[in-house]
Amino acid sequence: GKTVPTTPGVPINTWIYTTADGKVEIGMERLAEGPPAKSSFTVPLLKRDWTYAVATLETYKQKDCASTTSRPFHFTEMKLSDSGGPVTPKWSAGMKQAACKGGATIHGPSSVDLYGAKMPESA
């Protein structure tokens, strides 16, 4: 894959599929802001058990909390399915990121907000 630069508020389409030849394709596509940008990569399925879904915010090379946005990343219109059709997830907010006070707000089966820093107490 490659890096697809974006800014807050720009919609992104993401996907994870298992392919007929036993591999996993993971990808994303920026849907607005500048020229089209898309990235995906394929890895062997190996012995992975895809019986769960995780919405996570990963950050790398952050010097301190000031370099992490306090604005939420909105995951909306999420759709999960398997070979039997649509699946309705039951999300749970796991580990809160203590150092920068990040976390997650679950709005329902198709909408989750992730905070890298300064998650409001009311969220």
PDB file of N, CA and C in Angstrom:
ATOM      1  N   GLY A   1       0.828  -1.188   0.000  1.00  0.00           N
ATOM      2  CA  GLY A   1       0.000   0.000   0.000  1.00  0.00           C
ATOM      3  C   GLY A   1       0.863   1.239   0.000  1.00  0.00           C
ATOM      4  N   LYS A   2       0.223   2.370  -0.063  1.00  0.00           N
ATOM      5  CA  LYS A   2       0.909   3.650  -0.024  1.00  0.00           C
ATOM      6  C   LYS A   2       0.152   4.582   0.895  1.00  0.00           C
ATOM      7  N   THR A   3       0.787   5.649   1.294  1.00  0.00           N
ATOM      8  CA  THR A   3       0.142   6.653   2.122  1.00  0.00           C
ATOM      9  C   THR A   3      -0.818   7.471   1.273  1.00  0.00           C
ATOM     10  N   VAL A   4      -2.014   7.704   1.796  1.00  0.00           N
ATOM     11  CA  VAL A   4      -2.997   8.548   1.125  1.00  0.00           C
ATOM     12  C   VAL A   4      -3.253   9.740   2.051  1.00  0.00           C
ATOM     13  N   PRO A   5      -2.618  10.884   1.773  1.00  0.00           N
ATOM     14  CA  PRO A   5      -2.781  12.039   2.663  1.00  0.00           C
ATOM     15  C   PRO A   5      -4.205  12.585   2.616  1.00  0.00           C
ATOM     16  N   THR A   6      -4.665  13.071   3.754  1.00  0.00           N
ATOM     17  CA  THR A   6      -5.992  13.656   3.845  1.00  0.00           C
ATOM     18  C   THR A   6      -6.013  14.650   5.006  1.00  0.00           C
ATOM     19  N   THR A   7      -7.137  15.299   5.196  1.00  0.00           N
ATOM     20  CA  THR A   7      -7.301  16.250   6.291  1.00  0.00           C
ATOM     21  C   THR A   7      -8.614  15.950   7.000  1.00  0.00           C
ATOM     22  N   PRO A   8      -8.812  16.478   8.215  1.00  0.00           N
ATOM     23  CA  PRO A   8     -10.054  16.216   8.941  1.00  0.00           C
ATOM     24  C   PRO A   8     -11.286  16.598   8.119  1.00  0.00           C
ATOM     25  N   GLY A   9     -12.309  15.768   8.206  1.00  0.00           N
ATOM     26  CA  GLY A   9     -13.572  16.037   7.527  1.00  0.00           C
ATOM     27  C   GLY A   9     -13.682  15.442   6.141  1.00  0.00           C
ATOM     28  N   VAL A  10     -12.595  14.904   5.603  1.00  0.00           N
ATOM     29  CA  VAL A  10     -12.623  14.322   4.265  1.00  0.00           C
ATOM     30  C   VAL A  10     -13.074  12.870   4.370  1.00  0.00           C
ATOM     31  N   PRO A  11     -14.115  12.479   3.633  1.00  0.00           N
ATOM     32  CA  PRO A  11     -14.589  11.092   3.726  1.00  0.00           C
ATOM     33  C   PRO A  11     -13.609  10.094   3.109  1.00  0.00           C
ATOM     34  N   ILE A  12     -13.488   8.955   3.764  1.00  0.00           N
ATOM     35  CA  ILE A  12     -12.611   7.870   3.336  1.00  0.00           C
ATOM     36  C   ILE A  12     -13.439   6.585   3.270  1.00  0.00           C
ATOM     37  N   ASN A  13     -13.287   5.832   2.218  1.00  0.00           N
ATOM     38  CA  ASN A  13     -13.910   4.521   2.107  1.00  0.00           C
ATOM     39  C   ASN A  13     -12.835   3.475   2.384  1.00  0.00           C
ATOM     40  N   THR A  14     -13.105   2.537   3.296  1.00  0.00           N
ATOM     41  CA  THR A  14     -12.133   1.494   3.612  1.00  0.00           C
ATOM     42  C   THR A  14     -12.780   0.125   3.457  1.00  0.00           C
ATOM     43  N   TRP A  15     -11.944  -0.899   3.286  1.00  0.00           N
ATOM     44  CA  TRP A  15     -12.483  -2.251   3.152  1.00  0.00           C
ATOM     45  C   TRP A  15     -11.451  -3.296   3.568  1.00  0.00           C
ATOM     46  N   ILE A  16     -11.971  -4.434   3.980  1.00  0.00           N
ATOM     47  CA  ILE A  16     -11.177  -5.637   4.228  1.00  0.00           C
ATOM     48  C   ILE A  16     -11.987  -6.790   3.656  1.00  0.00           C
ATOM     49  N   TYR A  17     -11.409  -7.492   2.688  1.00  0.00           N
ATOM     50  CA  TYR A  17     -12.083  -8.626   2.059  1.00  0.00           C
ATOM     51  C   TYR A  17     -11.182  -9.847   2.117  1.00  0.00           C
ATOM     52  N   THR A  18     -11.788 -10.999   2.260  1.00  0.00           N
ATOM     53  CA  THR A  18     -11.041 -12.225   2.018  1.00  0.00           C
ATOM     54  C   THR A  18     -11.329 -12.607   0.568  1.00  0.00           C
ATOM     55  N   THR A  19     -10.291 -12.974  -0.147  1.00  0.00           N
ATOM     56  CA  THR A  19     -10.419 -13.281  -1.569  1.00  0.00           C
ATOM     57  C   THR A  19     -10.591 -14.778  -1.792  1.00  0.00           C
ATOM     58  N   ALA A  20     -11.061 -15.133  -2.967  1.00  0.00           N
ATOM     59  CA  ALA A  20     -11.310 -16.542  -3.299  1.00  0.00           C
ATOM     60  C   ALA A  20     -10.040 -17.382  -3.233  1.00  0.00           C
ATOM     61  N   ASP A  21      -8.885 -16.755  -3.441  1.00  0.00           N
ATOM     62  CA  ASP A  21      -7.634 -17.519  -3.423  1.00  0.00           C
ATOM     63  C   ASP A  21      -6.975 -17.549  -2.035  1.00  0.00           C
ATOM     64  N   GLY A  22      -7.760 -17.230  -0.975  1.00  0.00           N
ATOM     65  CA  GLY A  22      -7.264 -17.373   0.386  1.00  0.00           C
ATOM     66  C   GLY A  22      -6.389 -16.242   0.881  1.00  0.00           C
ATOM     67  N   LYS A  23      -6.601 -15.045   0.376  1.00  0.00           N
ATOM     68  CA  LYS A  23      -5.820 -13.887   0.826  1.00  0.00           C
ATOM     69  C   LYS A  23      -6.761 -12.838   1.404  1.00  0.00           C
ATOM     70  N   VAL A  24      -6.165 -11.825   2.024  1.00  0.00           N
ATOM     71  CA  VAL A  24      -6.928 -10.725   2.600  1.00  0.00           C
ATOM     72  C   VAL A  24      -6.515  -9.443   1.890  1.00  0.00           C
ATOM     73  N   GLU A  25      -7.489  -8.711   1.355  1.00  0.00           N
ATOM     74  CA  GLU A  25      -7.211  -7.401   0.750  1.00  0.00           C
ATOM     75  C   GLU A  25      -7.687  -6.327   1.711  1.00  0.00           C
ATOM     76  N   ILE A  26      -6.798  -5.394   2.012  1.00  0.00           N
ATOM     77  CA  ILE A  26      -7.091  -4.280   2.909  1.00  0.00           C
ATOM     78  C   ILE A  26      -6.855  -3.006   2.112  1.00  0.00           C
ATOM     79  N   GLY A  27      -7.818  -2.097   2.115  1.00  0.00           N
ATOM     80  CA  GLY A  27      -7.637  -0.898   1.308  1.00  0.00           C
ATOM     81  C   GLY A  27      -8.407   0.309   1.811  1.00  0.00           C
ATOM     82  N   MET A  28      -8.090   1.434   1.223  1.00  0.00           N
ATOM     83  CA  MET A  28      -8.788   2.692   1.519  1.00  0.00           C
ATOM     84  C   MET A  28      -8.749   3.589   0.301  1.00  0.00           C
ATOM     85  N   GLU A  29      -9.741   4.481   0.238  1.00  0.00           N
ATOM     86  CA  GLU A  29      -9.843   5.413  -0.875  1.00  0.00           C
ATOM     87  C   GLU A  29     -10.354   6.750  -0.354  1.00  0.00           C
ATOM     88  N   ARG A  30      -9.642   7.809  -0.657  1.00  0.00           N
ATOM     89  CA  ARG A  30     -10.086   9.159  -0.302  1.00  0.00           C
ATOM     90  C   ARG A  30     -11.173   9.546  -1.289  1.00  0.00           C
ATOM     91  N   LEU A  31     -12.341   9.975  -0.789  1.00  0.00           N
ATOM     92  CA  LEU A  31     -13.484  10.232  -1.654  1.00  0.00           C
ATOM     93  C   LEU A  31     -13.633  11.686  -2.074  1.00  0.00           C
ATOM     94  N   ALA A  32     -12.836  12.581  -1.527  1.00  0.00           N
ATOM     95  CA  ALA A  32     -12.929  14.003  -1.874  1.00  0.00           C
ATOM     96  C   ALA A  32     -11.553  14.627  -1.672  1.00  0.00           C
ATOM     97  N   GLU A  33     -11.435  15.903  -1.930  1.00  0.00           N
ATOM     98  CA  GLU A  33     -10.230  16.697  -1.700  1.00  0.00           C
ATOM     99  C   GLU A  33      -9.112  16.312  -2.670  1.00  0.00           C
ATOM    100  N   GLY A  34      -9.037  16.997  -3.760  1.00  0.00           N
ATOM    101  CA  GLY A  34      -7.936  16.778  -4.693  1.00  0.00           C
ATOM    102  C   GLY A  34      -8.159  15.600  -5.615  1.00  0.00           C
ATOM    103  N   PRO A  35      -7.094  15.181  -6.283  1.00  0.00           N
ATOM    104  CA  PRO A  35      -7.221  14.068  -7.221  1.00  0.00           C
ATOM    105  C   PRO A  35      -7.535  12.766  -6.480  1.00  0.00           C
ATOM    106  N   PRO A  36      -8.185  11.818  -7.163  1.00  0.00           N
ATOM    107  CA  PRO A  36      -8.498  10.548  -6.507  1.00  0.00           C
ATOM    108  C   PRO A  36      -7.235   9.883  -5.953  1.00  0.00           C
ATOM    109  N   ALA A  37      -7.354   9.278  -4.792  1.00  0.00           N
ATOM    110  CA  ALA A  37      -6.223   8.590  -4.175  1.00  0.00           C
ATOM    111  C   ALA A  37      -6.731   7.296  -3.560  1.00  0.00           C
ATOM    112  N   LYS A  38      -6.064   6.202  -3.877  1.00  0.00           N
ATOM    113  CA  LYS A  38      -6.492   4.891  -3.422  1.00  0.00           C
ATOM    114  C   LYS A  38      -5.259   4.057  -3.101  1.00  0.00           C
ATOM    115  N   SER A  39      -5.356   3.203  -2.090  1.00  0.00           N
ATOM    116  CA  SER A  39      -4.268   2.324  -1.733  1.00  0.00           C
ATOM    117  C   SER A  39      -4.842   1.014  -1.221  1.00  0.00           C
ATOM    118  N   SER A  40      -4.222  -0.091  -1.583  1.00  0.00           N
ATOM    119  CA  SER A  40      -4.621  -1.375  -1.022  1.00  0.00           C
ATOM    120  C   SER A  40      -3.430  -2.315  -1.054  1.00  0.00           C
ATOM    121  N   PHE A  41      -3.491  -3.335  -0.244  1.00  0.00           N
ATOM    122  CA  PHE A  41      -2.468  -4.366  -0.262  1.00  0.00           C
ATOM    123  C   PHE A  41      -3.122  -5.692   0.077  1.00  0.00           C
ATOM    124  N   THR A  42      -2.487  -6.761  -0.322  1.00  0.00           N
ATOM    125  CA  THR A  42      -3.009  -8.107  -0.110  1.00  0.00           C
ATOM    126  C   THR A  42      -1.983  -8.921   0.669  1.00  0.00           C
ATOM    127  N   VAL A  43      -2.472  -9.634   1.671  1.00  0.00           N
ATOM    128  CA  VAL A  43      -1.603 -10.473   2.487  1.00  0.00           C
ATOM    129  C   VAL A  43      -2.190 -11.882   2.557  1.00  0.00           C
ATOM    130  N   PRO A  44      -1.363 -12.890   2.823  1.00  0.00           N
ATOM    131  CA  PRO A  44      -1.898 -14.252   2.972  1.00  0.00           C
ATOM    132  C   PRO A  44      -2.844 -14.329   4.164  1.00  0.00           C
ATOM    133  N   LEU A  45      -3.913 -15.086   4.041  1.00  0.00           N
ATOM    134  CA  LEU A  45      -4.874 -15.263   5.129  1.00  0.00           C
ATOM    135  C   LEU A  45      -4.245 -16.024   6.291  1.00  0.00           C
ATOM    136  N   LEU A  46      -3.334 -16.943   5.968  1.00  0.00           N
ATOM    137  CA  LEU A  46      -2.675 -17.781   6.976  1.00  0.00           C
ATOM    138  C   LEU A  46      -3.731 -18.431   7.863  1.00  0.00           C
ATOM    139  N   LYS A  47      -3.566 -18.332   9.162  1.00  0.00           N
ATOM    140  CA  LYS A  47      -4.542 -18.963  10.062  1.00  0.00           C
ATOM    141  C   LYS A  47      -5.335 -17.908  10.820  1.00  0.00           C
ATOM    142  N   ARG A  48      -5.552 -16.772  10.206  1.00  0.00           N
ATOM    143  CA  ARG A  48      -6.319 -15.710  10.868  1.00  0.00           C
ATOM    144  C   ARG A  48      -7.782 -16.132  10.987  1.00  0.00           C
ATOM    145  N   ASP A  49      -8.382 -15.760  12.105  1.00  0.00           N
ATOM    146  CA  ASP A  49      -9.785 -16.064  12.352  1.00  0.00           C
ATOM    147  C   ASP A  49     -10.559 -14.750  12.298  1.00  0.00           C
ATOM    148  N   TRP A  50     -11.207 -14.475  11.192  1.00  0.00           N
ATOM    149  CA  TRP A  50     -11.917 -13.210  10.994  1.00  0.00           C
ATOM    150  C   TRP A  50     -13.329 -13.304  11.548  1.00  0.00           C
ATOM    151  N   THR A  51     -13.443 -13.506  12.870  1.00  0.00           N
ATOM    152  CA  THR A  51     -14.754 -13.595  13.501  1.00  0.00           C
ATOM    153  C   THR A  51     -15.059 -12.344  14.325  1.00  0.00           C
ATOM    154  N   TYR A  52     -14.271 -11.300  14.137  1.00  0.00           N
ATOM    155  CA  TYR A  52     -14.492 -10.069  14.879  1.00  0.00           C
ATOM    156  C   TYR A  52     -14.045  -8.883  14.024  1.00  0.00           C
ATOM    157  N   ALA A  53     -14.529  -7.696  14.402  1.00  0.00           N
ATOM    158  CA  ALA A  53     -14.117  -6.456  13.727  1.00  0.00           C
ATOM    159  C   ALA A  53     -13.599  -5.494  14.789  1.00  0.00           C
ATOM    160  N   VAL A  54     -12.603  -4.710  14.437  1.00  0.00           N
ATOM    161  CA  VAL A  54     -12.006  -3.750  15.357  1.00  0.00           C
ATOM    162  C   VAL A  54     -11.908  -2.397  14.654  1.00  0.00           C
ATOM    163  N   ALA A  55     -12.391  -1.355  15.310  1.00  0.00           N
ATOM    164  CA  ALA A  55     -12.169   0.010  14.837  1.00  0.00           C
ATOM    165  C   ALA A  55     -11.116   0.587  15.766  1.00  0.00           C
ATOM    166  N   THR A  56      -9.962   0.931  15.220  1.00  0.00           N
ATOM    167  CA  THR A  56      -8.873   1.401  16.075  1.00  0.00           C
ATOM    168  C   THR A  56      -8.172   2.591  15.437  1.00  0.00           C
ATOM    169  N   LEU A  57      -7.635   3.436  16.260  1.00  0.00           N
ATOM    170  CA  LEU A  57      -6.854   4.577  15.805  1.00  0.00           C
ATOM    171  C   LEU A  57      -5.416   4.326  16.223  1.00  0.00           C
ATOM    172  N   GLU A  58      -4.540   4.197  15.253  1.00  0.00           N
ATOM    173  CA  GLU A  58      -3.131   3.970  15.534  1.00  0.00           C
ATOM    174  C   GLU A  58      -2.345   5.209  15.147  1.00  0.00           C
ATOM    175  N   THR A  59      -1.442   5.614  16.008  1.00  0.00           N
ATOM    176  CA  THR A  59      -0.586   6.752  15.698  1.00  0.00           C
ATOM    177  C   THR A  59       0.868   6.320  15.873  1.00  0.00           C
ATOM    178  N   TYR A  60       1.722   6.867  15.052  1.00  0.00           N
ATOM    179  CA  TYR A  60       3.136   6.514  15.072  1.00  0.00           C
ATOM    180  C   TYR A  60       3.984   7.775  15.076  1.00  0.00           C
ATOM    181  N   LYS A  61       5.099   7.703  15.745  1.00  0.00           N
ATOM    182  CA  LYS A  61       6.088   8.778  15.776  1.00  0.00           C
ATOM    183  C   LYS A  61       5.514  10.090  16.323  1.00  0.00           C
ATOM    184  N   GLN A  62       4.592   9.992  17.273  1.00  0.00           N
ATOM    185  CA  GLN A  62       4.053  11.193  17.911  1.00  0.00           C
ATOM    186  C   GLN A  62       4.998  11.614  19.021  1.00  0.00           C
ATOM    187  N   LYS A  63       5.445  12.846  19.000  1.00  0.00           N
ATOM    188  CA  LYS A  63       6.389  13.328  20.011  1.00  0.00           C
ATOM    189  C   LYS A  63       5.705  13.555  21.353  1.00  0.00           C
ATOM    190  N   ASP A  64       4.465  14.063  21.304  1.00  0.00           N
ATOM    191  CA  ASP A  64       3.734  14.345  22.524  1.00  0.00           C
ATOM    192  C   ASP A  64       2.253  14.477  22.189  1.00  0.00           C
ATOM    193  N   CYS A  65       1.430  14.725  23.200  1.00  0.00           N
ATOM    194  CA  CYS A  65      -0.017  14.811  22.992  1.00  0.00           C
ATOM    195  C   CYS A  65      -0.419  16.017  22.151  1.00  0.00           C
ATOM    196  N   ALA A  66       0.395  17.059  22.151  1.00  0.00           N
ATOM    197  CA  ALA A  66       0.073  18.249  21.357  1.00  0.00           C
ATOM    198  C   ALA A  66       0.086  17.950  19.859  1.00  0.00           C
ATOM    199  N   SER A  67       0.812  16.920  19.455  1.00  0.00           N
ATOM    200  CA  SER A  67       0.876  16.587  18.032  1.00  0.00           C
ATOM    201  C   SER A  67      -0.208  15.578  17.628  1.00  0.00           C
ATOM    202  N   THR A  68      -1.092  15.227  18.549  1.00  0.00           N
ATOM    203  CA  THR A  68      -2.207  14.323  18.277  1.00  0.00           C
ATOM    204  C   THR A  68      -3.498  15.125  18.277  1.00  0.00           C
ATOM    205  N   THR A  69      -4.305  14.983  17.248  1.00  0.00           N
ATOM    206  CA  THR A  69      -5.526  15.772  17.157  1.00  0.00           C
ATOM    207  C   THR A  69      -6.517  15.408  18.254  1.00  0.00           C
ATOM    208  N   SER A  70      -7.219  16.402  18.750  1.00  0.00           N
ATOM    209  CA  SER A  70      -8.271  16.159  19.735  1.00  0.00           C
ATOM    210  C   SER A  70      -9.635  16.086  19.051  1.00  0.00           C
ATOM    211  N   ARG A  71      -9.660  16.299  17.743  1.00  0.00           N
ATOM    212  CA  ARG A  71     -10.918  16.166  16.999  1.00  0.00           C
ATOM    213  C   ARG A  71     -11.166  14.690  16.716  1.00  0.00           C
ATOM    214  N   PRO A  72     -12.425  14.257  16.793  1.00  0.00           N
ATOM    215  CA  PRO A  72     -12.689  12.828  16.598  1.00  0.00           C
ATOM    216  C   PRO A  72     -12.561  12.403  15.137  1.00  0.00           C
ATOM    217  N   PHE A  73     -12.193  11.147  14.952  1.00  0.00           N
ATOM    218  CA  PHE A  73     -12.261  10.508  13.651  1.00  0.00           C
ATOM    219  C   PHE A  73     -13.620   9.824  13.615  1.00  0.00           C
ATOM    220  N   HIS A  74     -14.490  10.254  12.710  1.00  0.00           N
ATOM    221  CA  HIS A  74     -15.844   9.712  12.618  1.00  0.00           C
ATOM    222  C   HIS A  74     -15.865   8.513  11.675  1.00  0.00           C
ATOM    223  N   PHE A  75     -16.242   7.363  12.181  1.00  0.00           N
ATOM    224  CA  PHE A  75     -16.469   6.186  11.355  1.00  0.00           C
ATOM    225  C   PHE A  75     -17.981   6.060  11.220  1.00  0.00           C
ATOM    226  N   THR A  76     -18.506   6.354  10.035  1.00  0.00           N
ATOM    227  CA  THR A  76     -19.948   6.355   9.821  1.00  0.00           C
ATOM    228  C   THR A  76     -20.304   5.467   8.636  1.00  0.00           C
ATOM    229  N   GLU A  77     -21.539   5.111   8.572  1.00  0.00           N
ATOM    230  CA  GLU A  77     -22.051   4.292   7.474  1.00  0.00           C
ATOM    231  C   GLU A  77     -21.251   3.000   7.324  1.00  0.00           C
ATOM    232  N   MET A  78     -20.777   2.457   8.462  1.00  0.00           N
ATOM    233  CA  MET A  78     -20.014   1.214   8.413  1.00  0.00           C
ATOM    234  C   MET A  78     -20.960   0.057   8.099  1.00  0.00           C
ATOM    235  N   LYS A  79     -20.514  -0.825   7.224  1.00  0.00           N
ATOM    236  CA  LYS A  79     -21.300  -1.994   6.845  1.00  0.00           C
ATOM    237  C   LYS A  79     -20.411  -3.217   6.944  1.00  0.00           C
ATOM    238  N   LEU A  80     -20.867  -4.215   7.665  1.00  0.00           N
ATOM    239  CA  LEU A  80     -20.134  -5.462   7.802  1.00  0.00           C
ATOM    240  C   LEU A  80     -20.964  -6.580   7.191  1.00  0.00           C
ATOM    241  N   SER A  81     -20.292  -7.498   6.538  1.00  0.00           N
ATOM    242  CA  SER A  81     -21.005  -8.656   5.990  1.00  0.00           C
ATOM    243  C   SER A  81     -20.060  -9.843   5.929  1.00  0.00           C
ATOM    244  N   ASP A  82     -20.633 -11.016   5.844  1.00  0.00           N
ATOM    245  CA  ASP A  82     -19.863 -12.224   5.607  1.00  0.00           C
ATOM    246  C   ASP A  82     -20.558 -12.984   4.484  1.00  0.00           C
ATOM    247  N   SER A  83     -20.167 -14.206   4.260  1.00  0.00           N
ATOM    248  CA  SER A  83     -20.743 -14.948   3.141  1.00  0.00           C
ATOM    249  C   SER A  83     -22.246 -15.148   3.292  1.00  0.00           C
ATOM    250  N   GLY A  84     -22.775 -15.008   4.510  1.00  0.00           N
ATOM    251  CA  GLY A  84     -24.211 -15.144   4.742  1.00  0.00           C
ATOM    252  C   GLY A  84     -24.979 -13.851   4.610  1.00  0.00           C
ATOM    253  N   GLY A  85     -24.299 -12.730   4.358  1.00  0.00           N
ATOM    254  CA  GLY A  85     -24.971 -11.442   4.209  1.00  0.00           C
ATOM    255  C   GLY A  85     -24.554 -10.455   5.284  1.00  0.00           C
ATOM    256  N   PRO A  86     -25.380  -9.414   5.511  1.00  0.00           N
ATOM    257  CA  PRO A  86     -25.039  -8.366   6.478  1.00  0.00           C
ATOM    258  C   PRO A  86     -24.895  -8.905   7.906  1.00  0.00           C
ATOM    259  N   VAL A  87     -23.976  -8.285   8.659  1.00  0.00           N
ATOM    260  CA  VAL A  87     -23.739  -8.622  10.058  1.00  0.00           C
ATOM    261  C   VAL A  87     -23.889  -7.334  10.859  1.00  0.00           C
ATOM    262  N   THR A  88     -24.622  -7.377  11.964  1.00  0.00           N
ATOM    263  CA  THR A  88     -24.777  -6.209  12.824  1.00  0.00           C
ATOM    264  C   THR A  88     -23.805  -6.326  13.988  1.00  0.00           C
ATOM    265  N   PRO A  89     -22.809  -5.433  14.040  1.00  0.00           N
ATOM    266  CA  PRO A  89     -21.805  -5.531  15.119  1.00  0.00           C
ATOM    267  C   PRO A  89     -22.350  -5.027  16.455  1.00  0.00           C
ATOM    268  N   LYS A  90     -21.761  -5.511  17.534  1.00  0.00           N
ATOM    269  CA  LYS A  90     -22.009  -5.011  18.881  1.00  0.00           C
ATOM    270  C   LYS A  90     -20.681  -4.462  19.372  1.00  0.00           C
ATOM    271  N   TRP A  91     -20.454  -3.165  19.159  1.00  0.00           N
ATOM    272  CA  TRP A  91     -19.182  -2.534  19.508  1.00  0.00           C
ATOM    273  C   TRP A  91     -19.062  -2.390  21.016  1.00  0.00           C
ATOM    274  N   SER A  92     -17.843  -2.404  21.515  1.00  0.00           N
ATOM    275  CA  SER A  92     -17.567  -2.073  22.910  1.00  0.00           C
ATOM    276  C   SER A  92     -16.330  -1.186  22.933  1.00  0.00           C
ATOM    277  N   ALA A  93     -16.350  -0.183  23.802  1.00  0.00           N
ATOM    278  CA  ALA A  93     -15.203   0.711  23.931  1.00  0.00           C
ATOM    279  C   ALA A  93     -14.207   0.045  24.863  1.00  0.00           C
ATOM    280  N   GLY A  94     -13.068  -0.334  24.313  1.00  0.00           N
ATOM    281  CA  GLY A  94     -12.060  -1.040  25.090  1.00  0.00           C
ATOM    282  C   GLY A  94     -11.159  -0.091  25.837  1.00  0.00           C
ATOM    283  N   MET A  95      -9.897  -0.353  25.765  1.00  0.00           N
ATOM    284  CA  MET A  95      -8.879   0.373  26.491  1.00  0.00           C
ATOM    285  C   MET A  95      -8.856   1.855  26.104  1.00  0.00           C
ATOM    286  N   LYS A  96      -8.930   2.727  27.102  1.00  0.00           N
ATOM    287  CA  LYS A  96      -8.758   4.154  26.846  1.00  0.00           C
ATOM    288  C   LYS A  96      -7.278   4.462  26.844  1.00  0.00           C
ATOM    289  N   GLN A  97      -6.893   5.370  25.979  1.00  0.00           N
ATOM    290  CA  GLN A  97      -5.495   5.771  25.870  1.00  0.00           C
ATOM    291  C   GLN A  97      -5.254   6.811  26.962  1.00  0.00           C
ATOM    292  N   ALA A  98      -4.575   6.436  28.025  1.00  0.00           N
ATOM    293  CA  ALA A  98      -4.452   7.265  29.214  1.00  0.00           C
ATOM    294  C   ALA A  98      -3.593   8.515  29.021  1.00  0.00           C
ATOM    295  N   ALA A  99      -2.453   8.394  28.359  1.00  0.00           N
ATOM    296  CA  ALA A  99      -1.498   9.512  28.293  1.00  0.00           C
ATOM    297  C   ALA A  99      -2.114  10.766  27.684  1.00  0.00           C
ATOM    298  N   CYS A 100      -2.824  10.614  26.573  1.00  0.00           N
ATOM    299  CA  CYS A 100      -3.391  11.785  25.890  1.00  0.00           C
ATOM    300  C   CYS A 100      -4.898  11.883  26.073  1.00  0.00           C
ATOM    301  N   LYS A 101      -5.470  10.984  26.869  1.00  0.00           N
ATOM    302  CA  LYS A 101      -6.905  10.962  27.152  1.00  0.00           C
ATOM    303  C   LYS A 101      -7.747  10.712  25.902  1.00  0.00           C
ATOM    304  N   GLY A 102      -7.286   9.771  25.061  1.00  0.00           N
ATOM    305  CA  GLY A 102      -8.060   9.372  23.887  1.00  0.00           C
ATOM    306  C   GLY A 102      -9.055   8.295  24.245  1.00  0.00           C
ATOM    307  N   GLY A 103      -9.930   7.968  23.309  1.00  0.00           N
ATOM    308  CA  GLY A 103     -10.921   6.934  23.560  1.00  0.00           C
ATOM    309  C   GLY A 103     -11.906   6.808  22.418  1.00  0.00           C
ATOM    310  N   ALA A 104     -13.028   6.164  22.701  1.00  0.00           N
ATOM    311  CA  ALA A 104     -14.032   5.906  21.670  1.00  0.00           C
ATOM    312  C   ALA A 104     -15.425   6.222  22.193  1.00  0.00           C
ATOM    313  N   THR A 105     -16.283   6.695  21.289  1.00  0.00           N
ATOM    314  CA  THR A 105     -17.701   6.883  21.563  1.00  0.00           C
ATOM    315  C   THR A 105     -18.463   6.042  20.553  1.00  0.00           C
ATOM    316  N   ILE A 106     -19.344   5.191  21.039  1.00  0.00           N
ATOM    317  CA  ILE A 106     -20.142   4.328  20.165  1.00  0.00           C
ATOM    318  C   ILE A 106     -21.522   4.953  20.012  1.00  0.00           C
ATOM    319  N   HIS A 107     -21.890   5.242  18.764  1.00  0.00           N
ATOM    320  CA  HIS A 107     -23.195   5.840  18.487  1.00  0.00           C
ATOM    321  C   HIS A 107     -24.214   4.798  18.050  1.00  0.00           C
ATOM    322  N   GLY A 108     -23.751   3.643  17.636  1.00  0.00           N
ATOM    323  CA  GLY A 108     -24.642   2.578  17.171  1.00  0.00           C
ATOM    324  C   GLY A 108     -23.852   1.597  16.335  1.00  0.00           C
ATOM    325  N   PRO A 109     -24.516   0.615  15.732  1.00  0.00           N
ATOM    326  CA  PRO A 109     -23.794  -0.423  14.993  1.00  0.00           C
ATOM    327  C   PRO A 109     -23.035   0.080  13.760  1.00  0.00           C
ATOM    328  N   SER A 110     -23.399   1.244  13.240  1.00  0.00           N
ATOM    329  CA  SER A 110     -22.719   1.726  12.034  1.00  0.00           C
ATOM    330  C   SER A 110     -21.966   3.030  12.237  1.00  0.00           C
ATOM    331  N   SER A 111     -21.798   3.474  13.493  1.00  0.00           N
ATOM    332  CA  SER A 111     -21.163   4.769  13.729  1.00  0.00           C
ATOM    333  C   SER A 111     -20.364   4.765  15.038  1.00  0.00           C
ATOM    334  N   VAL A 112     -19.063   5.080  14.918  1.00  0.00           N
ATOM    335  CA  VAL A 112     -18.151   5.141  16.059  1.00  0.00           C
ATOM    336  C   VAL A 112     -17.232   6.348  15.881  1.00  0.00           C
ATOM    337  N   ASP A 113     -16.956   7.071  16.954  1.00  0.00           N
ATOM    338  CA  ASP A 113     -15.971   8.159  16.945  1.00  0.00           C
ATOM    339  C   ASP A 113     -14.756   7.712  17.748  1.00  0.00           C
ATOM    340  N   LEU A 114     -13.556   7.950  17.197  1.00  0.00           N
ATOM    341  CA  LEU A 114     -12.317   7.653  17.904  1.00  0.00           C
ATOM    342  C   LEU A 114     -11.556   8.951  18.144  1.00  0.00           C
ATOM    343  N   TYR A 115     -11.079   9.130  19.359  1.00  0.00           N
ATOM    344  CA  TYR A 115     -10.334  10.320  19.747  1.00  0.00           C
ATOM    345  C   TYR A 115      -8.886   9.948  20.009  1.00  0.00           C
ATOM    346  N   GLY A 116      -7.945  10.698  19.445  1.00  0.00           N
ATOM    347  CA  GLY A 116      -6.536  10.494  19.723  1.00  0.00           C
ATOM    348  C   GLY A 116      -6.107  11.179  21.007  1.00  0.00           C
ATOM    349  N   ALA A 117      -6.794  12.268  21.349  1.00  0.00           N
ATOM    350  CA  ALA A 117      -6.457  13.040  22.553  1.00  0.00           C
ATOM    351  C   ALA A 117      -7.672  13.836  23.005  1.00  0.00           C
ATOM    352  N   LYS A 118      -7.672  14.158  24.262  1.00  0.00           N
ATOM    353  CA  LYS A 118      -8.662  15.058  24.868  1.00  0.00           C
ATOM    354  C   LYS A 118     -10.110  14.674  24.554  1.00  0.00           C
ATOM    355  N   MET A 119     -10.448  13.404  24.725  1.00  0.00           N
ATOM    356  CA  MET A 119     -11.830  12.975  24.512  1.00  0.00           C
ATOM    357  C   MET A 119     -12.707  13.642  25.576  1.00  0.00           C
ATOM    358  N   PRO A 120     -13.783  14.325  25.138  1.00  0.00           N
ATOM    359  CA  PRO A 120     -14.658  14.986  26.121  1.00  0.00           C
ATOM    360  C   PRO A 120     -15.275  13.966  27.087  1.00  0.00           C
ATOM    361  N   GLU A 121     -15.429  14.365  28.340  1.00  0.00           N
ATOM    362  CA  GLU A 121     -16.034  13.475  29.335  1.00  0.00           C
ATOM    363  C   GLU A 121     -17.453  13.087  28.930  1.00  0.00           C
ATOM    364  N   SER A 122     -18.167  13.979  28.257  1.00  0.00           N
ATOM    365  CA  SER A 122     -19.548  13.724  27.874  1.00  0.00           C
ATOM    366  C   SER A 122     -19.670  12.864  26.613  1.00  0.00           C
ATOM    367  N   ALA A 123     -18.559  12.594  25.940  1.00  0.00           N
ATOM    368  CA  ALA A 123     -18.611  11.833  24.684  1.00  0.00           C
ATOM    369  C   ALA A 123     -18.869  10.359  24.929  1.00  0.00           C
TER     370      ALA A 123
END
